[in-house]
Amino acid sequence: MTKTRTALCAGALALVSAGCQQAVAAESVVAAPSAKRAAKESAGLKTAIFAGGCFWGVEGVFSHVKGVTSAVSGYHGGTERQASYDIVSSGVTDHVEAVKVTYDPKVIRYDQLLRIFFSVVADPTLKNRQGPDRGAQYDAKLIPTSAEQLTVAKAYLAQMKGSGKWSGPIVTDIVRAQAFYPAETHHQDFAAKNPSHGYIQRWDAPKIAALKRLYPGVYSASFQRN
């Protein structure tokens, strides 16, 4: 964990210092519904961008999904000059922490990635925060990179709102894809490289365990490294 992450993830410093004993309410696991509108994607690798709080956990989950060939942590929504961890984590930019996912639609479709995302990665009822992290840079957003993904994302959010699966209103936004800037090298594959880290054990390892439990057919024990 960087000094910046230790200082700025709201609640995380106390959480890690206490050996993960102090409780900021844990994110709940929800078995999101299967999409009524399945993605109709042509052959060949596709990319999609997901923002769902700290990018360590988002990347960690998608890197264990069969059909995902790459999951890269980075910054989306702001300028290239601002695309550094120290600046983004200060909360003064238009960036969100995000992950660019490259996947094979013959193995895993975009709508299935959405289901995984809302089941074990991000709480769609939270605005400008996820887990212990607070600020607009940790907002959950869907960032489609194609017209088909946009159609599927809109349909799935509408389906979620009528599903009754969540206790609060669905507030996750869909935003237009802009430039994506990969994060610094030490942030890539962070969960895999630091499995004993307090933040990873408390917040991200449970997400990967939930993926394995809820979706064993798409879970891959091997980690797709960038």
C-alpha atoms as a PDB file:
ATOM      1  CA  MET A   1       0.000   0.000   0.000  1.00  0.00           C
ATOM      2  CA  THR A   2       1.356   3.433  -0.884  1.00  0.00           C
ATOM      3  CA  LYS A   3       1.597   6.197   1.686  1.00  0.00           C
ATOM      4  CA  THR A   4      -1.029   8.058  -0.298  1.00  0.00           C
ATOM      5  CA  ARG A   5      -3.463   5.153  -0.176  1.00  0.00           C
ATOM      6  CA  THR A   6      -2.836   4.806   3.570  1.00  0.00           C
ATOM      7  CA  ALA A   7      -3.551   8.468   4.142  1.00  0.00           C
ATOM      8  CA  LEU A   8      -6.455   9.020   1.815  1.00  0.00           C
ATOM      9  CA  CYS A   9      -8.678   5.937   1.721  1.00  0.00           C
ATOM     10  CA  ALA A  10     -11.243   7.051   4.283  1.00  0.00           C
ATOM     11  CA  GLY A  11     -11.321   4.592   7.141  1.00  0.00           C
ATOM     12  CA  ALA A  12      -8.650   2.376   5.620  1.00  0.00           C
ATOM     13  CA  LEU A  13      -5.776   3.592   7.768  1.00  0.00           C
ATOM     14  CA  ALA A  14      -7.524   2.695  10.998  1.00  0.00           C
ATOM     15  CA  LEU A  15      -8.781  -0.519   9.464  1.00  0.00           C
ATOM     16  CA  VAL A  16      -5.362  -1.726   8.389  1.00  0.00           C
ATOM     17  CA  SER A  17      -3.553  -0.478  11.491  1.00  0.00           C
ATOM     18  CA  ALA A  18      -5.924  -2.474  13.662  1.00  0.00           C
ATOM     19  CA  GLY A  19      -5.350  -5.644  11.673  1.00  0.00           C
ATOM     20  CA  CYS A  20      -8.670  -5.204   9.889  1.00  0.00           C
ATOM     21  CA  GLN A  21     -10.560  -5.274  13.183  1.00  0.00           C
ATOM     22  CA  GLN A  22     -12.303  -1.910  12.947  1.00  0.00           C
ATOM     23  CA  ALA A  23     -15.494  -2.198  10.976  1.00  0.00           C
ATOM     24  CA  VAL A  24     -16.573   0.075   8.240  1.00  0.00           C
ATOM     25  CA  ALA A  25     -19.726  -1.715   7.056  1.00  0.00           C
ATOM     26  CA  ALA A  26     -18.661  -4.356   4.573  1.00  0.00           C
ATOM     27  CA  GLU A  27     -20.011  -4.351   1.069  1.00  0.00           C
ATOM     28  CA  SER A  28     -22.779  -6.874   0.676  1.00  0.00           C
ATOM     29  CA  VAL A  29     -22.751  -9.631  -1.908  1.00  0.00           C
ATOM     30  CA  VAL A  30     -25.879  -9.658  -4.060  1.00  0.00           C
ATOM     31  CA  ALA A  31     -26.728 -12.355  -6.589  1.00  0.00           C
ATOM     32  CA  ALA A  32     -27.541  -9.968  -9.421  1.00  0.00           C
ATOM     33  CA  PRO A  33     -30.080 -11.212 -11.972  1.00  0.00           C
ATOM     34  CA  SER A  34     -29.153 -12.734 -15.309  1.00  0.00           C
ATOM     35  CA  ALA A  35     -29.488 -10.155 -18.046  1.00  0.00           C
ATOM     36  CA  LYS A  36     -32.671 -10.297 -20.065  1.00  0.00           C
ATOM     37  CA  ARG A  37     -30.832  -8.553 -22.894  1.00  0.00           C
ATOM     38  CA  ALA A  38     -27.774 -10.657 -23.706  1.00  0.00           C
ATOM     39  CA  ALA A  39     -24.910  -8.946 -25.486  1.00  0.00           C
ATOM     40  CA  LYS A  40     -24.680  -9.668 -29.209  1.00  0.00           C
ATOM     41  CA  GLU A  41     -20.986  -9.311 -29.847  1.00  0.00           C
ATOM     42  CA  SER A  42     -18.967 -10.248 -32.906  1.00  0.00           C
ATOM     43  CA  ALA A  43     -15.932 -12.509 -32.717  1.00  0.00           C
ATOM     44  CA  GLY A  44     -12.666 -11.068 -31.517  1.00  0.00           C
ATOM     45  CA  LEU A  45     -11.435  -9.553 -28.281  1.00  0.00           C
ATOM     46  CA  LYS A  46     -13.468  -6.664 -26.852  1.00  0.00           C
ATOM     47  CA  THR A  47     -12.721  -4.073 -24.183  1.00  0.00           C
ATOM     48  CA  ALA A  48     -14.938  -2.482 -21.551  1.00  0.00           C
ATOM     49  CA  ILE A  49     -14.156  -0.119 -18.694  1.00  0.00           C
ATOM     50  CA  PHE A  50     -15.540  -0.447 -15.171  1.00  0.00           C
ATOM     51  CA  ALA A  51     -15.186   1.968 -12.260  1.00  0.00           C
ATOM     52  CA  GLY A  52     -16.128   0.496  -8.901  1.00  0.00           C
ATOM     53  CA  GLY A  53     -14.121   2.024  -6.108  1.00  0.00           C
ATOM     54  CA  CYS A  54     -10.476   1.167  -5.484  1.00  0.00           C
ATOM     55  CA  PHE A  55      -9.157  -0.369  -8.683  1.00  0.00           C
ATOM     56  CA  TRP A  56      -7.268  -3.091  -6.803  1.00  0.00           C
ATOM     57  CA  GLY A  57     -10.452  -5.035  -6.135  1.00  0.00           C
ATOM     58  CA  VAL A  58     -12.073  -4.415  -9.513  1.00  0.00           C
ATOM     59  CA  GLU A  59      -8.977  -5.669 -11.284  1.00  0.00           C
ATOM     60  CA  GLY A  60      -8.570  -8.539  -8.831  1.00  0.00           C
ATOM     61  CA  VAL A  61     -12.043  -9.925  -9.523  1.00  0.00           C
ATOM     62  CA  PHE A  62     -12.017  -9.584 -13.307  1.00  0.00           C
ATOM     63  CA  SER A  63      -8.554 -11.122 -13.497  1.00  0.00           C
ATOM     64  CA  HIS A  64     -10.104 -14.334 -12.133  1.00  0.00           C
ATOM     65  CA  VAL A  65     -12.860 -14.505 -14.775  1.00  0.00           C
ATOM     66  CA  LYS A  66     -12.552 -17.045 -17.586  1.00  0.00           C
ATOM     67  CA  GLY A  67     -12.446 -15.277 -20.932  1.00  0.00           C
ATOM     68  CA  VAL A  68     -10.827 -12.137 -19.552  1.00  0.00           C
ATOM     69  CA  THR A  69      -7.405 -11.791 -21.147  1.00  0.00           C
ATOM     70  CA  SER A  70      -6.355  -8.564 -19.440  1.00  0.00           C
ATOM     71  CA  ALA A  71      -7.493  -6.295 -16.609  1.00  0.00           C
ATOM     72  CA  VAL A  72      -5.565  -3.043 -16.294  1.00  0.00           C
ATOM     73  CA  SER A  73      -5.957  -0.551 -13.459  1.00  0.00           C
ATOM     74  CA  GLY A  74      -6.012   3.094 -14.456  1.00  0.00           C
ATOM     75  CA  TYR A  75      -7.715   6.469 -14.556  1.00  0.00           C
ATOM     76  CA  HIS A  76     -10.675   7.587 -16.651  1.00  0.00           C
ATOM     77  CA  GLY A  77     -12.446  10.891 -17.197  1.00  0.00           C
ATOM     78  CA  GLY A  78      -9.732  13.498 -16.683  1.00  0.00           C
ATOM     79  CA  THR A  79      -6.672  14.784 -18.462  1.00  0.00           C
ATOM     80  CA  GLU A  80      -3.378  13.044 -19.110  1.00  0.00           C
ATOM     81  CA  ARG A  81      -1.562  15.583 -16.933  1.00  0.00           C
ATOM     82  CA  GLN A  82      -3.760  14.643 -13.969  1.00  0.00           C
ATOM     83  CA  ALA A  83      -3.500  10.887 -14.504  1.00  0.00           C
ATOM     84  CA  SER A  84      -1.304  10.014 -11.549  1.00  0.00           C
ATOM     85  CA  TYR A  85      -2.256   8.327  -8.310  1.00  0.00           C
ATOM     86  CA  ASP A  86      -1.255  11.175  -6.024  1.00  0.00           C
ATOM     87  CA  ILE A  87      -3.348  13.679  -7.964  1.00  0.00           C
ATOM     88  CA  VAL A  88      -6.380  11.462  -8.599  1.00  0.00           C
ATOM     89  CA  SER A  89      -6.566  10.255  -4.999  1.00  0.00           C
ATOM     90  CA  SER A  90      -6.666  13.858  -3.798  1.00  0.00           C
ATOM     91  CA  GLY A  91     -10.167  14.087  -5.289  1.00  0.00           C
ATOM     92  CA  VAL A  92      -9.519  17.272  -7.289  1.00  0.00           C
ATOM     93  CA  THR A  93      -9.664  15.755 -10.797  1.00  0.00           C
ATOM     94  CA  ASP A  94     -12.415  14.438 -13.064  1.00  0.00           C
ATOM     95  CA  HIS A  95     -10.830  10.989 -13.051  1.00  0.00           C
ATOM     96  CA  VAL A  96     -12.262   7.884 -11.450  1.00  0.00           C
ATOM     97  CA  GLU A  97     -10.186   4.863 -10.595  1.00  0.00           C
ATOM     98  CA  ALA A  98     -11.149   2.367 -13.279  1.00  0.00           C
ATOM     99  CA  VAL A  99     -10.173  -0.930 -14.879  1.00  0.00           C
ATOM    100  CA  LYS A 100      -9.991  -1.657 -18.590  1.00  0.00           C
ATOM    101  CA  VAL A 101     -11.107  -5.244 -19.159  1.00  0.00           C
ATOM    102  CA  THR A 102     -10.227  -7.103 -22.353  1.00  0.00           C
ATOM    103  CA  TYR A 103     -12.333 -10.208 -22.889  1.00  0.00           C
ATOM    104  CA  ASP A 104     -13.320 -12.853 -25.421  1.00  0.00           C
ATOM    105  CA  PRO A 105     -17.114 -12.705 -25.968  1.00  0.00           C
ATOM    106  CA  LYS A 106     -17.084 -16.332 -27.074  1.00  0.00           C
ATOM    107  CA  VAL A 107     -16.203 -17.212 -23.482  1.00  0.00           C
ATOM    108  CA  ILE A 108     -17.739 -14.381 -21.436  1.00  0.00           C
ATOM    109  CA  ARG A 109     -20.218 -11.784 -22.700  1.00  0.00           C
ATOM    110  CA  TYR A 110     -20.472  -8.152 -21.651  1.00  0.00           C
ATOM    111  CA  ASP A 111     -23.815  -8.705 -19.917  1.00  0.00           C
ATOM    112  CA  GLN A 112     -22.230 -11.486 -17.867  1.00  0.00           C
ATOM    113  CA  LEU A 113     -19.423  -9.129 -16.852  1.00  0.00           C
ATOM    114  CA  LEU A 114     -22.083  -6.657 -15.707  1.00  0.00           C
ATOM    115  CA  ARG A 115     -23.725  -9.319 -13.583  1.00  0.00           C
ATOM    116  CA  ILE A 116     -20.404 -10.190 -11.948  1.00  0.00           C
ATOM    117  CA  PHE A 117     -19.601  -6.512 -11.404  1.00  0.00           C
ATOM    118  CA  PHE A 118     -22.823  -5.764  -9.542  1.00  0.00           C
ATOM    119  CA  SER A 119     -22.843  -9.065  -7.656  1.00  0.00           C
ATOM    120  CA  VAL A 120     -19.412  -8.988  -6.063  1.00  0.00           C
ATOM    121  CA  VAL A 121     -17.486  -5.844  -7.059  1.00  0.00           C
ATOM    122  CA  ALA A 122     -19.564  -2.682  -6.642  1.00  0.00           C
ATOM    123  CA  ASP A 123     -22.622  -1.636  -4.672  1.00  0.00           C
ATOM    124  CA  PRO A 124     -24.841   0.212  -7.174  1.00  0.00           C
ATOM    125  CA  THR A 125     -26.700   2.060  -4.399  1.00  0.00           C
ATOM    126  CA  LEU A 126     -23.619   4.036  -3.307  1.00  0.00           C
ATOM    127  CA  LYS A 127     -22.608   7.415  -4.744  1.00  0.00           C
ATOM    128  CA  ASN A 128     -19.028   8.708  -4.647  1.00  0.00           C
ATOM    129  CA  ARG A 129     -17.861   5.869  -2.447  1.00  0.00           C
ATOM    130  CA  GLN A 130     -17.288   2.133  -2.275  1.00  0.00           C
ATOM    131  CA  GLY A 131     -16.171   0.125   0.730  1.00  0.00           C
ATOM    132  CA  PRO A 132     -14.017   2.291   3.015  1.00  0.00           C
ATOM    133  CA  ASP A 133     -13.092   4.731   0.246  1.00  0.00           C
ATOM    134  CA  ARG A 134     -14.774   8.117  -0.078  1.00  0.00           C
ATOM    135  CA  GLY A 135     -14.703  10.647  -2.892  1.00  0.00           C
ATOM    136  CA  ALA A 136     -15.868  11.065  -6.478  1.00  0.00           C
ATOM    137  CA  GLN A 137     -12.748   9.227  -7.659  1.00  0.00           C
ATOM    138  CA  TYR A 138     -14.261   6.055  -6.156  1.00  0.00           C
ATOM    139  CA  ASP A 139     -17.681   6.355  -7.776  1.00  0.00           C
ATOM    140  CA  ALA A 140     -19.119   3.287  -9.537  1.00  0.00           C
ATOM    141  CA  LYS A 141     -19.615   3.865 -13.248  1.00  0.00           C
ATOM    142  CA  LEU A 142     -20.208   1.798 -16.345  1.00  0.00           C
ATOM    143  CA  ILE A 143     -18.079   2.961 -19.262  1.00  0.00           C
ATOM    144  CA  PRO A 144     -19.147   1.146 -22.449  1.00  0.00           C
ATOM    145  CA  THR A 145     -16.794   1.264 -25.422  1.00  0.00           C
ATOM    146  CA  SER A 146     -19.290   0.266 -28.125  1.00  0.00           C
ATOM    147  CA  ALA A 147     -22.897   0.888 -29.122  1.00  0.00           C
ATOM    148  CA  GLU A 148     -23.802  -2.695 -28.204  1.00  0.00           C
ATOM    149  CA  GLN A 149     -22.288  -2.367 -24.749  1.00  0.00           C
ATOM    150  CA  LEU A 150     -24.198   0.876 -24.237  1.00  0.00           C
ATOM    151  CA  THR A 151     -27.488  -0.771 -25.192  1.00  0.00           C
ATOM    152  CA  VAL A 152     -26.829  -3.714 -22.883  1.00  0.00           C
ATOM    153  CA  ALA A 153     -25.733  -1.481 -19.996  1.00  0.00           C
ATOM    154  CA  LYS A 154     -28.886   0.656 -20.218  1.00  0.00           C
ATOM    155  CA  ALA A 155     -31.114  -2.416 -20.357  1.00  0.00           C
ATOM    156  CA  TYR A 156     -29.347  -4.052 -17.427  1.00  0.00           C
ATOM    157  CA  LEU A 157     -29.536  -1.001 -15.171  1.00  0.00           C
ATOM    158  CA  ALA A 158     -33.249  -0.729 -15.938  1.00  0.00           C
ATOM    159  CA  GLN A 159     -33.662  -4.416 -15.105  1.00  0.00           C
ATOM    160  CA  MET A 160     -31.744  -3.963 -11.837  1.00  0.00           C
ATOM    161  CA  LYS A 161     -33.971  -1.067 -10.802  1.00  0.00           C
ATOM    162  CA  GLY A 162     -37.036  -3.255 -11.115  1.00  0.00           C
ATOM    163  CA  SER A 163     -35.542  -6.388  -9.601  1.00  0.00           C
ATOM    164  CA  GLY A 164     -35.961  -5.597  -5.915  1.00  0.00           C
ATOM    165  CA  LYS A 165     -32.526  -7.111  -5.260  1.00  0.00           C
ATOM    166  CA  TRP A 166     -31.137  -3.971  -3.650  1.00  0.00           C
ATOM    167  CA  SER A 167     -32.562  -2.111  -0.672  1.00  0.00           C
ATOM    168  CA  GLY A 168     -31.783   1.351  -2.026  1.00  0.00           C
ATOM    169  CA  PRO A 169     -32.128   3.099  -5.386  1.00  0.00           C
ATOM    170  CA  ILE A 170     -29.668   2.232  -8.147  1.00  0.00           C
ATOM    171  CA  VAL A 171     -27.412   5.266  -8.660  1.00  0.00           C
ATOM    172  CA  THR A 172     -24.607   3.894 -10.843  1.00  0.00           C
ATOM    173  CA  ASP A 173     -24.126   6.025 -13.962  1.00  0.00           C
ATOM    174  CA  ILE A 174     -23.276   5.173 -17.539  1.00  0.00           C
ATOM    175  CA  VAL A 175     -20.676   7.568 -18.907  1.00  0.00           C
ATOM    176  CA  ARG A 176     -19.142   8.097 -22.331  1.00  0.00           C
ATOM    177  CA  ALA A 177     -15.779   6.432 -22.841  1.00  0.00           C
ATOM    178  CA  GLN A 178     -12.873   8.835 -22.857  1.00  0.00           C
ATOM    179  CA  ALA A 179      -9.128   8.341 -22.724  1.00  0.00           C
ATOM    180  CA  PHE A 180      -7.995   5.664 -20.302  1.00  0.00           C
ATOM    181  CA  TYR A 181      -4.600   6.080 -18.653  1.00  0.00           C
ATOM    182  CA  PRO A 182      -2.982   3.005 -17.092  1.00  0.00           C
ATOM    183  CA  ALA A 183      -2.002   3.422 -13.459  1.00  0.00           C
ATOM    184  CA  GLU A 184       1.522   3.181 -12.169  1.00  0.00           C
ATOM    185  CA  THR A 185       3.220  -0.214 -12.389  1.00  0.00           C
ATOM    186  CA  HIS A 186       3.037  -0.939  -8.661  1.00  0.00           C
ATOM    187  CA  HIS A 187      -0.774  -0.706  -8.800  1.00  0.00           C
ATOM    188  CA  GLN A 188      -1.060  -3.404 -11.485  1.00  0.00           C
ATOM    189  CA  ASP A 189      -1.889  -6.912 -10.203  1.00  0.00           C
ATOM    190  CA  PHE A 190      -1.788  -5.482  -6.678  1.00  0.00           C
ATOM    191  CA  ALA A 191      -4.095  -8.055  -5.092  1.00  0.00           C
ATOM    192  CA  ALA A 192      -2.158 -10.964  -6.582  1.00  0.00           C
ATOM    193  CA  LYS A 193       1.208  -9.515  -5.565  1.00  0.00           C
ATOM    194  CA  ASN A 194       0.090  -8.549  -2.062  1.00  0.00           C
ATOM    195  CA  PRO A 195      -2.349 -11.226  -0.830  1.00  0.00           C
ATOM    196  CA  SER A 196      -1.473 -10.681   2.844  1.00  0.00           C
ATOM    197  CA  HIS A 197      -1.964  -6.932   2.718  1.00  0.00           C
ATOM    198  CA  GLY A 198      -4.557  -5.763   5.266  1.00  0.00           C
ATOM    199  CA  TYR A 199      -6.629  -3.824   2.739  1.00  0.00           C
ATOM    200  CA  ILE A 200      -6.653  -6.741   0.284  1.00  0.00           C
ATOM    201  CA  GLN A 201      -7.609  -9.268   2.962  1.00  0.00           C
ATOM    202  CA  ARG A 202     -10.404  -7.100   4.348  1.00  0.00           C
ATOM    203  CA  TRP A 203     -11.961  -5.705   1.187  1.00  0.00           C
ATOM    204  CA  ASP A 204     -10.802  -7.498  -1.960  1.00  0.00           C
ATOM    205  CA  ALA A 205     -10.110 -11.149  -1.123  1.00  0.00           C
ATOM    206  CA  PRO A 206     -13.788 -11.569  -0.063  1.00  0.00           C
ATOM    207  CA  LYS A 207     -14.872 -10.295  -3.496  1.00  0.00           C
ATOM    208  CA  ILE A 208     -12.773 -12.918  -5.249  1.00  0.00           C
ATOM    209  CA  ALA A 209     -14.092 -15.594  -2.879  1.00  0.00           C
ATOM    210  CA  ALA A 210     -17.656 -14.481  -3.646  1.00  0.00           C
ATOM    211  CA  LEU A 211     -16.955 -14.735  -7.374  1.00  0.00           C
ATOM    212  CA  LYS A 212     -15.827 -18.329  -6.897  1.00  0.00           C
ATOM    213  CA  ARG A 213     -18.846 -19.142  -4.738  1.00  0.00           C
ATOM    214  CA  LEU A 214     -21.543 -17.504  -6.863  1.00  0.00           C
ATOM    215  CA  TYR A 215     -20.139 -18.164 -10.332  1.00  0.00           C
ATOM    216  CA  PRO A 216     -17.928 -21.268 -10.187  1.00  0.00           C
ATOM    217  CA  GLY A 217     -18.411 -21.850 -13.899  1.00  0.00           C
ATOM    218  CA  VAL A 218     -16.634 -18.634 -14.851  1.00  0.00           C
ATOM    219  CA  TYR A 219     -14.148 -18.490 -11.985  1.00  0.00           C
ATOM    220  CA  SER A 220     -10.523 -19.133 -12.878  1.00  0.00           C
ATOM    221  CA  ALA A 221      -8.075 -20.056 -10.113  1.00  0.00           C
ATOM    222  CA  SER A 222      -5.194 -18.819 -12.213  1.00  0.00           C
ATOM    223  CA  PHE A 223      -4.698 -15.069 -12.179  1.00  0.00           C
ATOM    224  CA  GLN A 224      -4.571 -13.283 -15.541  1.00  0.00           C
ATOM    225  CA  ARG A 225      -1.482 -11.108 -15.113  1.00  0.00           C
ATOM    226  CA  ASN A 226      -1.004  -7.900 -17.070  1.00  0.00           C
END
